[in-house]
């Protein structure tokens, strides 16, 4: 998932996750963003 496409998919809050944070808090926010599933990127015909 490319982070720059999130605002165009109405996922601005996910895009902004971790903004203004530093250190461990920022690492946790980035980790959460990576783990968050975005349904548009999942092909329904693929298992």
Protein backbone atom coordinates (compact mmCIF):
# COMPACT_ATOMS: atom_id res chain seq x y z
CA UNK A 1 0.00 0.00 0.00
CA UNK A 2 1.38 3.33 -0.92
CA UNK A 3 0.84 5.88 1.83
CA UNK A 4 0.29 8.77 -0.59
CA UNK A 5 -2.88 7.22 -2.02
CA UNK A 6 -4.71 7.04 1.32
CA UNK A 7 -6.19 10.58 1.26
CA UNK A 8 -7.71 9.88 -2.17
CA UNK A 9 -9.37 6.74 -0.80
CA UNK A 10 -11.03 8.71 2.03
CA UNK A 11 -8.52 7.31 4.52
CA UNK A 12 -7.02 10.61 5.66
CA UNK A 13 -7.06 9.53 9.31
CA UNK A 14 -4.96 6.48 8.46
CA UNK A 15 -2.65 8.68 6.40
CA UNK A 16 -2.16 11.08 9.33
CA UNK A 17 -1.53 8.31 11.88
CA UNK A 18 1.76 9.05 13.60
CA UNK A 19 2.04 12.64 12.39
CA UNK A 20 3.73 14.80 14.99
CA UNK A 21 4.91 11.85 17.07
CA UNK A 22 8.48 10.83 17.75
CA UNK A 23 10.34 7.82 19.05
CA UNK A 24 8.44 4.75 20.21
CA UNK A 25 5.02 6.37 19.79
CA UNK A 26 5.76 7.03 16.11
CA UNK A 27 7.01 3.45 15.59
CA UNK A 28 3.81 2.08 17.12
CA UNK A 29 1.62 4.34 14.97
CA UNK A 30 3.47 3.31 11.80
CA UNK A 31 3.16 -0.33 12.79
CA UNK A 32 -0.60 0.11 13.27
CA UNK A 33 -0.90 1.79 9.86
CA UNK A 34 0.92 -1.08 8.19
CA UNK A 35 -1.30 -3.68 9.89
CA UNK A 36 -4.57 -1.91 9.07
CA UNK A 37 -6.31 -3.72 6.20
CA UNK A 38 -7.55 -1.56 3.31
CA UNK A 39 -10.31 -3.45 1.53
CA UNK A 40 -9.80 -1.79 -1.87
CA UNK A 41 -6.39 -3.48 -2.14
CA UNK A 42 -7.79 -7.00 -1.67
CA UNK A 43 -8.96 -8.85 -4.77
CA UNK A 44 -12.23 -10.71 -4.04
CA UNK A 45 -11.33 -13.51 -6.46
CA UNK A 46 -8.07 -14.25 -4.70
CA UNK A 47 -8.11 -16.59 -1.75
